[in-house]
Amino acid sequence: MRQEYRQGAGWGQRRTRAGLALLIVLAAVATTGSEGSQDSSREFRGACYCRAQRELMCTANVTARECDLRSREALCDDWYWKERLPCWNWGYGG
């Protein structure tokens, strides 16, 4: 009879451990998914200035990461990002 009791206790412990492991995995997945979506919403947006072929261009409402990516793709000679500011044309044109 003792042997049957031990086998039953072992099965219960395995189920408990499996349940805890599953709970930990689900908690890790849930926090990882929400973190990624919150990172992009926490970033400041601003103006991305790109100088290419002596012409200065501006793209409004982008993050610093987006500005860096766009500037590389556009092969800018020089670029910079102004946090929380709109594009400014220094009074030249509209």
PDB file of N, CA and C in Angstrom:
ATOM      1  N   MET A   1       0.814  -1.191   0.000  1.00  0.00           N
ATOM      2  CA  MET A   1       0.000   0.000   0.000  1.00  0.00           C
ATOM      3  C   MET A   1       0.864   1.264   0.000  1.00  0.00           C
ATOM      4  N   ARG A   2       1.963   1.228   0.682  1.00  0.00           N
ATOM      5  CA  ARG A   2       2.844   2.390   0.709  1.00  0.00           C
ATOM      6  C   ARG A   2       3.369   2.699  -0.686  1.00  0.00           C
ATOM      7  N   GLN A   3       3.644   1.673  -1.450  1.00  0.00           N
ATOM      8  CA  GLN A   3       4.170   1.865  -2.786  1.00  0.00           C
ATOM      9  C   GLN A   3       3.152   2.589  -3.669  1.00  0.00           C
ATOM     10  N   GLU A   4       1.908   2.254  -3.574  1.00  0.00           N
ATOM     11  CA  GLU A   4       0.862   2.923  -4.355  1.00  0.00           C
ATOM     12  C   GLU A   4       0.762   4.390  -3.959  1.00  0.00           C
ATOM     13  N   TYR A   5       0.877   4.661  -2.685  1.00  0.00           N
ATOM     14  CA  TYR A   5       0.800   6.046  -2.217  1.00  0.00           C
ATOM     15  C   TYR A   5       1.958   6.864  -2.781  1.00  0.00           C
ATOM     16  N   ARG A   6       3.148   6.285  -2.813  1.00  0.00           N
ATOM     17  CA  ARG A   6       4.317   6.987  -3.326  1.00  0.00           C
ATOM     18  C   ARG A   6       4.177   7.264  -4.820  1.00  0.00           C
ATOM     19  N   GLN A   7       3.655   6.317  -5.550  1.00  0.00           N
ATOM     20  CA  GLN A   7       3.473   6.527  -6.979  1.00  0.00           C
ATOM     21  C   GLN A   7       2.471   7.654  -7.226  1.00  0.00           C
ATOM     22  N   GLY A   8       1.413   7.698  -6.454  1.00  0.00           N
ATOM     23  CA  GLY A   8       0.417   8.757  -6.586  1.00  0.00           C
ATOM     24  C   GLY A   8       0.987  10.112  -6.240  1.00  0.00           C
ATOM     25  N   ALA A   9       1.811  10.178  -5.212  1.00  0.00           N
ATOM     26  CA  ALA A   9       2.422  11.443  -4.808  1.00  0.00           C
ATOM     27  C   ALA A   9       3.395  11.930  -5.870  1.00  0.00           C
ATOM     28  N   GLY A  10       4.139  11.010  -6.484  1.00  0.00           N
ATOM     29  CA  GLY A  10       5.077  11.394  -7.541  1.00  0.00           C
ATOM     30  C   GLY A  10       4.343  11.997  -8.727  1.00  0.00           C
ATOM     31  N   TRP A  11       3.225  11.415  -9.109  1.00  0.00           N
ATOM     32  CA  TRP A  11       2.424  11.921 -10.234  1.00  0.00           C
ATOM     33  C   TRP A  11       1.889  13.317  -9.933  1.00  0.00           C
ATOM     34  N   GLY A  12       1.441  13.535  -8.718  1.00  0.00           N
ATOM     35  CA  GLY A  12       0.932  14.849  -8.330  1.00  0.00           C
ATOM     36  C   GLY A  12       2.014  15.910  -8.359  1.00  0.00           C
ATOM     37  N   GLN A  13       3.216  15.538  -7.926  1.00  0.00           N
ATOM     38  CA  GLN A  13       4.337  16.482  -7.952  1.00  0.00           C
ATOM     39  C   GLN A  13       4.718  16.825  -9.380  1.00  0.00           C
ATOM     40  N   ARG A  14       4.688  15.836 -10.262  1.00  0.00           N
ATOM     41  CA  ARG A  14       5.010  16.098 -11.670  1.00  0.00           C
ATOM     42  C   ARG A  14       3.995  17.038 -12.297  1.00  0.00           C
ATOM     43  N   ARG A  15       2.729  16.820 -11.994  1.00  0.00           N
ATOM     44  CA  ARG A  15       1.681  17.698 -12.534  1.00  0.00           C
ATOM     45  C   ARG A  15       1.852  19.113 -12.014  1.00  0.00           C
ATOM     46  N   THR A  16       2.189  19.248 -10.753  1.00  0.00           N
ATOM     47  CA  THR A  16       2.391  20.571 -10.163  1.00  0.00           C
ATOM     48  C   THR A  16       3.574  21.272 -10.820  1.00  0.00           C
ATOM     49  N   ARG A  17       4.667  20.546 -10.995  1.00  0.00           N
ATOM     50  CA  ARG A  17       5.846  21.130 -11.640  1.00  0.00           C
ATOM     51  C   ARG A  17       5.556  21.523 -13.079  1.00  0.00           C
ATOM     52  N   ALA A  18       4.838  20.653 -13.794  1.00  0.00           N
ATOM     53  CA  ALA A  18       4.491  20.962 -15.186  1.00  0.00           C
ATOM     54  C   ALA A  18       3.583  22.188 -15.252  1.00  0.00           C
ATOM     55  N   GLY A  19       2.651  22.271 -14.322  1.00  0.00           N
ATOM     56  CA  GLY A  19       1.752  23.430 -14.277  1.00  0.00           C
ATOM     57  C   GLY A  19       2.504  24.718 -13.992  1.00  0.00           C
ATOM     58  N   LEU A  20       3.446  24.666 -13.056  1.00  0.00           N
ATOM     59  CA  LEU A  20       4.245  25.853 -12.737  1.00  0.00           C
ATOM     60  C   LEU A  20       5.127  26.255 -13.921  1.00  0.00           C
ATOM     61  N   ALA A  21       5.719  25.269 -14.585  1.00  0.00           N
ATOM     62  CA  ALA A  21       6.553  25.567 -15.742  1.00  0.00           C
ATOM     63  C   ALA A  21       5.728  26.225 -16.846  1.00  0.00           C
ATOM     64  N   LEU A  22       4.538  25.706 -17.086  1.00  0.00           N
ATOM     65  CA  LEU A  22       3.654  26.288 -18.098  1.00  0.00           C
ATOM     66  C   LEU A  22       3.265  27.717 -17.722  1.00  0.00           C
ATOM     67  N   LEU A  23       2.980  27.940 -16.465  1.00  0.00           N
ATOM     68  CA  LEU A  23       2.626  29.279 -16.001  1.00  0.00           C
ATOM     69  C   LEU A  23       3.775  30.264 -16.191  1.00  0.00           C
ATOM     70  N   ILE A  24       4.990  29.834 -15.918  1.00  0.00           N
ATOM     71  CA  ILE A  24       6.157  30.705 -16.088  1.00  0.00           C
ATOM     72  C   ILE A  24       6.365  31.040 -17.561  1.00  0.00           C
ATOM     73  N   VAL A  25       6.222  30.042 -18.427  1.00  0.00           N
ATOM     74  CA  VAL A  25       6.386  30.284 -19.863  1.00  0.00           C
ATOM     75  C   VAL A  25       5.327  31.250 -20.369  1.00  0.00           C
ATOM     76  N   LEU A  26       4.083  31.061 -19.965  1.00  0.00           N
ATOM     77  CA  LEU A  26       3.011  31.962 -20.400  1.00  0.00           C
ATOM     78  C   LEU A  26       3.233  33.385 -19.898  1.00  0.00           C
ATOM     79  N   ALA A  27       3.708  33.526 -18.673  1.00  0.00           N
ATOM     80  CA  ALA A  27       3.977  34.857 -18.134  1.00  0.00           C
ATOM     81  C   ALA A  27       5.107  35.536 -18.903  1.00  0.00           C
ATOM     82  N   ALA A  28       6.140  34.770 -19.261  1.00  0.00           N
ATOM     83  CA  ALA A  28       7.257  35.337 -20.018  1.00  0.00           C
ATOM     84  C   ALA A  28       6.806  35.789 -21.403  1.00  0.00           C
ATOM     85  N   VAL A  29       5.990  34.997 -22.059  1.00  0.00           N
ATOM     86  CA  VAL A  29       5.501  35.358 -23.393  1.00  0.00           C
ATOM     87  C   VAL A  29       4.592  36.572 -23.322  1.00  0.00           C
ATOM     88  N   ALA A  30       3.744  36.638 -22.329  1.00  0.00           N
ATOM     89  CA  ALA A  30       2.811  37.764 -22.203  1.00  0.00           C
ATOM     90  C   ALA A  30       3.551  39.074 -21.963  1.00  0.00           C
ATOM     91  N   THR A  31       4.574  39.067 -21.130  1.00  0.00           N
ATOM     92  CA  THR A  31       5.296  40.315 -20.859  1.00  0.00           C
ATOM     93  C   THR A  31       6.172  40.705 -22.028  1.00  0.00           C
ATOM     94  N   THR A  32       6.723  39.748 -22.751  1.00  0.00           N
ATOM     95  CA  THR A  32       7.576  40.057 -23.900  1.00  0.00           C
ATOM     96  C   THR A  32       6.775  40.700 -25.012  1.00  0.00           C
ATOM     97  N   GLY A  33       5.593  40.200 -25.304  1.00  0.00           N
ATOM     98  CA  GLY A  33       4.762  40.740 -26.373  1.00  0.00           C
ATOM     99  C   GLY A  33       4.313  42.158 -26.102  1.00  0.00           C
ATOM    100  N   SER A  34       3.931  42.473 -24.888  1.00  0.00           N
ATOM    101  CA  SER A  34       3.448  43.814 -24.577  1.00  0.00           C
ATOM    102  C   SER A  34       4.592  44.815 -24.511  1.00  0.00           C
ATOM    103  N   GLU A  35       5.779  44.364 -24.152  1.00  0.00           N
ATOM    104  CA  GLU A  35       6.926  45.255 -24.048  1.00  0.00           C
ATOM    105  C   GLU A  35       7.325  45.810 -25.411  1.00  0.00           C
ATOM    106  N   GLY A  36       7.327  44.976 -26.412  1.00  0.00           N
ATOM    107  CA  GLY A  36       7.715  45.403 -27.747  1.00  0.00           C
ATOM    108  C   GLY A  36       6.784  46.449 -28.319  1.00  0.00           C
ATOM    109  N   SER A  37       5.497  46.312 -28.088  1.00  0.00           N
ATOM    110  CA  SER A  37       4.551  47.279 -28.622  1.00  0.00           C
ATOM    111  C   SER A  37       4.600  48.592 -27.852  1.00  0.00           C
ATOM    112  N   GLN A  38       4.963  48.546 -26.578  1.00  0.00           N
ATOM    113  CA  GLN A  38       5.038  49.771 -25.787  1.00  0.00           C
ATOM    114  C   GLN A  38       6.291  50.566 -26.087  1.00  0.00           C
ATOM    115  N   ASP A  39       7.391  49.888 -26.481  1.00  0.00           N
ATOM    116  CA  ASP A  39       8.637  50.596 -26.774  1.00  0.00           C
ATOM    117  C   ASP A  39       8.459  51.626 -27.877  1.00  0.00           C
ATOM    118  N   SER A  40       7.792  51.248 -28.955  1.00  0.00           N
ATOM    119  CA  SER A  40       7.628  52.173 -30.070  1.00  0.00           C
ATOM    120  C   SER A  40       6.701  53.334 -29.708  1.00  0.00           C
ATOM    121  N   SER A  41       5.730  53.095 -28.823  1.00  0.00           N
ATOM    122  CA  SER A  41       4.831  54.185 -28.449  1.00  0.00           C
ATOM    123  C   SER A  41       5.487  55.137 -27.444  1.00  0.00           C
ATOM    124  N   ARG A  42       6.521  54.689 -26.758  1.00  0.00           N
ATOM    125  CA  ARG A  42       7.215  55.532 -25.784  1.00  0.00           C
ATOM    126  C   ARG A  42       8.245  56.448 -26.432  1.00  0.00           C
ATOM    127  N   GLU A  43       8.648  56.164 -27.648  1.00  0.00           N
ATOM    128  CA  GLU A  43       9.674  56.960 -28.303  1.00  0.00           C
ATOM    129  C   GLU A  43       9.122  58.314 -28.729  1.00  0.00           C
ATOM    130  N   PHE A  44       9.966  59.331 -28.597  1.00  0.00           N
ATOM    131  CA  PHE A  44       9.579  60.664 -29.032  1.00  0.00           C
ATOM    132  C   PHE A  44       9.607  60.735 -30.550  1.00  0.00           C
ATOM    133  N   ARG A  45       8.760  61.570 -31.087  1.00  0.00           N
ATOM    134  CA  ARG A  45       8.730  61.806 -32.529  1.00  0.00           C
ATOM    135  C   ARG A  45       9.229  63.224 -32.777  1.00  0.00           C
ATOM    136  N   GLY A  46       9.809  63.416 -33.927  1.00  0.00           N
ATOM    137  CA  GLY A  46      10.340  64.729 -34.241  1.00  0.00           C
ATOM    138  C   GLY A  46      10.621  64.859 -35.720  1.00  0.00           C
ATOM    139  N   ALA A  47      11.487  65.790 -36.064  1.00  0.00           N
ATOM    140  CA  ALA A  47      11.820  66.079 -37.457  1.00  0.00           C
ATOM    141  C   ALA A  47      13.159  65.441 -37.814  1.00  0.00           C
ATOM    142  N   CYS A  48      13.203  64.835 -38.980  1.00  0.00           N
ATOM    143  CA  CYS A  48      14.414  64.189 -39.476  1.00  0.00           C
ATOM    144  C   CYS A  48      14.939  65.002 -40.657  1.00  0.00           C
ATOM    145  N   TYR A  49      16.103  65.608 -40.488  1.00  0.00           N
ATOM    146  CA  TYR A  49      16.715  66.418 -41.538  1.00  0.00           C
ATOM    147  C   TYR A  49      17.795  65.609 -42.241  1.00  0.00           C
ATOM    148  N   CYS A  50      17.794  65.649 -43.547  1.00  0.00           N
ATOM    149  CA  CYS A  50      18.756  64.904 -44.366  1.00  0.00           C
ATOM    150  C   CYS A  50      19.364  65.860 -45.399  1.00  0.00           C
ATOM    151  N   ARG A  51      20.690  65.907 -45.452  1.00  0.00           N
ATOM    152  CA  ARG A  51      21.373  66.719 -46.460  1.00  0.00           C
ATOM    153  C   ARG A  51      21.992  65.760 -47.480  1.00  0.00           C
ATOM    154  N   ALA A  52      21.495  65.843 -48.710  1.00  0.00           N
ATOM    155  CA  ALA A  52      22.012  65.010 -49.798  1.00  0.00           C
ATOM    156  C   ALA A  52      22.164  65.889 -51.030  1.00  0.00           C
ATOM    157  N   GLN A  53      23.315  65.825 -51.658  1.00  0.00           N
ATOM    158  CA  GLN A  53      23.626  66.633 -52.846  1.00  0.00           C
ATOM    159  C   GLN A  53      23.354  68.120 -52.594  1.00  0.00           C
ATOM    160  N   ARG A  54      23.809  68.599 -51.456  1.00  0.00           N
ATOM    161  CA  ARG A  54      23.686  70.008 -51.038  1.00  0.00           C
ATOM    162  C   ARG A  54      22.247  70.472 -50.829  1.00  0.00           C
ATOM    163  N   GLU A  55      21.301  69.573 -50.792  1.00  0.00           N
ATOM    164  CA  GLU A  55      19.897  69.938 -50.569  1.00  0.00           C
ATOM    165  C   GLU A  55      19.457  69.381 -49.215  1.00  0.00           C
ATOM    166  N   LEU A  56      18.832  70.239 -48.416  1.00  0.00           N
ATOM    167  CA  LEU A  56      18.353  69.827 -47.104  1.00  0.00           C
ATOM    168  C   LEU A  56      16.878  69.465 -47.199  1.00  0.00           C
ATOM    169  N   MET A  57      16.549  68.246 -46.794  1.00  0.00           N
ATOM    170  CA  MET A  57      15.157  67.780 -46.811  1.00  0.00           C
ATOM    171  C   MET A  57      14.754  67.412 -45.388  1.00  0.00           C
ATOM    172  N   CYS A  58      13.467  67.492 -45.116  1.00  0.00           N
ATOM    173  CA  CYS A  58      12.972  67.178 -43.787  1.00  0.00           C
ATOM    174  C   CYS A  58      11.756  66.255 -43.880  1.00  0.00           C
ATOM    175  N   THR A  59      11.737  65.272 -42.994  1.00  0.00           N
ATOM    176  CA  THR A  59      10.583  64.383 -42.858  1.00  0.00           C
ATOM    177  C   THR A  59      10.060  64.559 -41.448  1.00  0.00           C
ATOM    178  N   ALA A  60       8.785  64.882 -41.327  1.00  0.00           N
ATOM    179  CA  ALA A  60       8.203  65.168 -40.018  1.00  0.00           C
ATOM    180  C   ALA A  60       7.647  63.916 -39.352  1.00  0.00           C
ATOM    181  N   ASN A  61       7.507  63.995 -38.037  1.00  0.00           N
ATOM    182  CA  ASN A  61       6.810  63.010 -37.215  1.00  0.00           C
ATOM    183  C   ASN A  61       7.407  61.604 -37.322  1.00  0.00           C
ATOM    184  N   VAL A  62       8.715  61.484 -37.138  1.00  0.00           N
ATOM    185  CA  VAL A  62       9.383  60.182 -37.135  1.00  0.00           C
ATOM    186  C   VAL A  62      10.204  60.037 -35.854  1.00  0.00           C
ATOM    187  N   THR A  63      10.489  58.805 -35.467  1.00  0.00           N
ATOM    188  CA  THR A  63      11.339  58.556 -34.309  1.00  0.00           C
ATOM    189  C   THR A  63      12.797  58.630 -34.737  1.00  0.00           C
ATOM    190  N   ALA A  64      13.696  58.676 -33.782  1.00  0.00           N
ATOM    191  CA  ALA A  64      15.129  58.732 -34.088  1.00  0.00           C
ATOM    192  C   ALA A  64      15.553  57.480 -34.851  1.00  0.00           C
ATOM    193  N   ARG A  65      15.006  56.335 -34.476  1.00  0.00           N
ATOM    194  CA  ARG A  65      15.340  55.086 -35.161  1.00  0.00           C
ATOM    195  C   ARG A  65      14.869  55.110 -36.611  1.00  0.00           C
ATOM    196  N   GLU A  66      13.651  55.604 -36.846  1.00  0.00           N
ATOM    197  CA  GLU A  66      13.133  55.710 -38.217  1.00  0.00           C
ATOM    198  C   GLU A  66      13.958  56.710 -39.032  1.00  0.00           C
ATOM    199  N   CYS A  67      14.374  57.786 -38.394  1.00  0.00           N
ATOM    200  CA  CYS A  67      15.191  58.794 -39.067  1.00  0.00           C
ATOM    201  C   CYS A  67      16.528  58.198 -39.495  1.00  0.00           C
ATOM    202  N   ASP A  68      17.147  57.440 -38.616  1.00  0.00           N
ATOM    203  CA  ASP A  68      18.418  56.805 -38.932  1.00  0.00           C
ATOM    204  C   ASP A  68      18.262  55.852 -40.121  1.00  0.00           C
ATOM    205  N   LEU A  69      17.214  55.049 -40.109  1.00  0.00           N
ATOM    206  CA  LEU A  69      16.977  54.099 -41.190  1.00  0.00           C
ATOM    207  C   LEU A  69      16.714  54.804 -42.520  1.00  0.00           C
ATOM    208  N   ARG A  70      15.857  55.822 -42.498  1.00  0.00           N
ATOM    209  CA  ARG A  70      15.548  56.568 -43.730  1.00  0.00           C
ATOM    210  C   ARG A  70      16.778  57.266 -44.284  1.00  0.00           C
ATOM    211  N   SER A  71      17.600  57.803 -43.403  1.00  0.00           N
ATOM    212  CA  SER A  71      18.798  58.527 -43.838  1.00  0.00           C
ATOM    213  C   SER A  71      19.806  57.594 -44.486  1.00  0.00           C
ATOM    214  N   ARG A  72      19.919  56.390 -43.967  1.00  0.00           N
ATOM    215  CA  ARG A  72      20.817  55.404 -44.585  1.00  0.00           C
ATOM    216  C   ARG A  72      20.301  54.993 -45.951  1.00  0.00           C
ATOM    217  N   GLU A  73      18.990  54.774 -46.047  1.00  0.00           N
ATOM    218  CA  GLU A  73      18.403  54.355 -47.323  1.00  0.00           C
ATOM    219  C   GLU A  73      18.503  55.458 -48.375  1.00  0.00           C
ATOM    220  N   ALA A  74      18.388  56.711 -47.939  1.00  0.00           N
ATOM    221  CA  ALA A  74      18.440  57.843 -48.867  1.00  0.00           C
ATOM    222  C   ALA A  74      19.887  58.267 -49.170  1.00  0.00           C
ATOM    223  N   LEU A  75      20.842  57.607 -48.546  1.00  0.00           N
ATOM    224  CA  LEU A  75      22.263  57.927 -48.727  1.00  0.00           C
ATOM    225  C   LEU A  75      22.552  59.397 -48.426  1.00  0.00           C
ATOM    226  N   CYS A  76      22.091  59.859 -47.297  1.00  0.00           N
ATOM    227  CA  CYS A  76      22.314  61.243 -46.878  1.00  0.00           C
ATOM    228  C   CYS A  76      23.791  61.468 -46.553  1.00  0.00           C
ATOM    229  N   ASP A  77      24.296  62.632 -46.942  1.00  0.00           N
ATOM    230  CA  ASP A  77      25.659  63.012 -46.589  1.00  0.00           C
ATOM    231  C   ASP A  77      25.741  63.349 -45.105  1.00  0.00           C
ATOM    232  N   ASP A  78      24.714  63.992 -44.619  1.00  0.00           N
ATOM    233  CA  ASP A  78      24.639  64.410 -43.226  1.00  0.00           C
ATOM    234  C   ASP A  78      23.179  64.350 -42.813  1.00  0.00           C
ATOM    235  N   TRP A  79      22.915  63.927 -41.596  1.00  0.00           N
ATOM    236  CA  TRP A  79      21.530  63.898 -41.136  1.00  0.00           C
ATOM    237  C   TRP A  79      21.500  64.144 -39.640  1.00  0.00           C
ATOM    238  N   TYR A  80      20.376  64.635 -39.178  1.00  0.00           N
ATOM    239  CA  TYR A  80      20.162  64.809 -37.747  1.00  0.00           C
ATOM    240  C   TYR A  80      18.675  64.813 -37.458  1.00  0.00           C
ATOM    241  N   TRP A  81      18.357  64.535 -36.207  1.00  0.00           N
ATOM    242  CA  TRP A  81      16.974  64.401 -35.769  1.00  0.00           C
ATOM    243  C   TRP A  81      16.726  65.378 -34.636  1.00  0.00           C
ATOM    244  N   LYS A  82      15.638  66.146 -34.746  1.00  0.00           N
ATOM    245  CA  LYS A  82      15.263  67.114 -33.709  1.00  0.00           C
ATOM    246  C   LYS A  82      14.060  66.578 -32.947  1.00  0.00           C
ATOM    247  N   GLU A  83      14.271  66.261 -31.694  1.00  0.00           N
ATOM    248  CA  GLU A  83      13.237  65.680 -30.843  1.00  0.00           C
ATOM    249  C   GLU A  83      12.069  66.641 -30.618  1.00  0.00           C
ATOM    250  N   ARG A  84      10.863  66.147 -30.813  1.00  0.00           N
ATOM    251  CA  ARG A  84       9.596  66.848 -30.536  1.00  0.00           C
ATOM    252  C   ARG A  84       9.409  68.134 -31.330  1.00  0.00           C
ATOM    253  N   LEU A  85      10.122  68.317 -32.407  1.00  0.00           N
ATOM    254  CA  LEU A  85       9.969  69.535 -33.206  1.00  0.00           C
ATOM    255  C   LEU A  85       9.450  69.195 -34.598  1.00  0.00           C
ATOM    256  N   PRO A  86       8.646  70.083 -35.183  1.00  0.00           N
ATOM    257  CA  PRO A  86       8.216  69.874 -36.584  1.00  0.00           C
ATOM    258  C   PRO A  86       9.335  70.293 -37.518  1.00  0.00           C
ATOM    259  N   CYS A  87       9.171  70.010 -38.792  1.00  0.00           N
ATOM    260  CA  CYS A  87      10.148  70.468 -39.791  1.00  0.00           C
ATOM    261  C   CYS A  87      10.100  71.994 -39.866  1.00  0.00           C
ATOM    262  N   TRP A  88      11.244  72.582 -40.039  1.00  0.00           N
ATOM    263  CA  TRP A  88      11.334  74.039 -40.101  1.00  0.00           C
ATOM    264  C   TRP A  88      12.082  74.409 -41.368  1.00  0.00           C
ATOM    265  N   ASN A  89      11.542  75.334 -42.140  1.00  0.00           N
ATOM    266  CA  ASN A  89      12.158  75.671 -43.418  1.00  0.00           C
ATOM    267  C   ASN A  89      12.908  77.002 -43.382  1.00  0.00           C
ATOM    268  N   TRP A  90      13.138  77.569 -42.230  1.00  0.00           N
ATOM    269  CA  TRP A  90      13.882  78.815 -42.043  1.00  0.00           C
ATOM    270  C   TRP A  90      13.317  79.986 -42.854  1.00  0.00           C
ATOM    271  N   GLY A  91      12.053  79.910 -43.179  1.00  0.00           N
ATOM    272  CA  GLY A  91      11.400  81.022 -43.880  1.00  0.00           C
ATOM    273  C   GLY A  91      11.599  81.010 -45.379  1.00  0.00           C
ATOM    274  N   TYR A  92      12.209  79.978 -45.924  1.00  0.00           N
ATOM    275  CA  TYR A  92      12.412  79.903 -47.372  1.00  0.00           C
ATOM    276  C   TYR A  92      11.278  79.107 -48.006  1.00  0.00           C
ATOM    277  N   GLY A  93      10.394  79.748 -48.618  1.00  0.00           N
ATOM    278  CA  GLY A  93       9.290  79.046 -49.293  1.00  0.00           C
ATOM    279  C   GLY A  93       8.204  78.607 -48.310  1.00  0.00           C
ATOM    280  N   GLY A  94       7.286  77.804 -48.776  1.00  0.00           N
ATOM    281  CA  GLY A  94       6.104  77.425 -48.016  1.00  0.00           C
ATOM    282  C   GLY A  94       6.326  76.313 -47.112  1.00  0.00           C
TER     283      GLY A  94
END
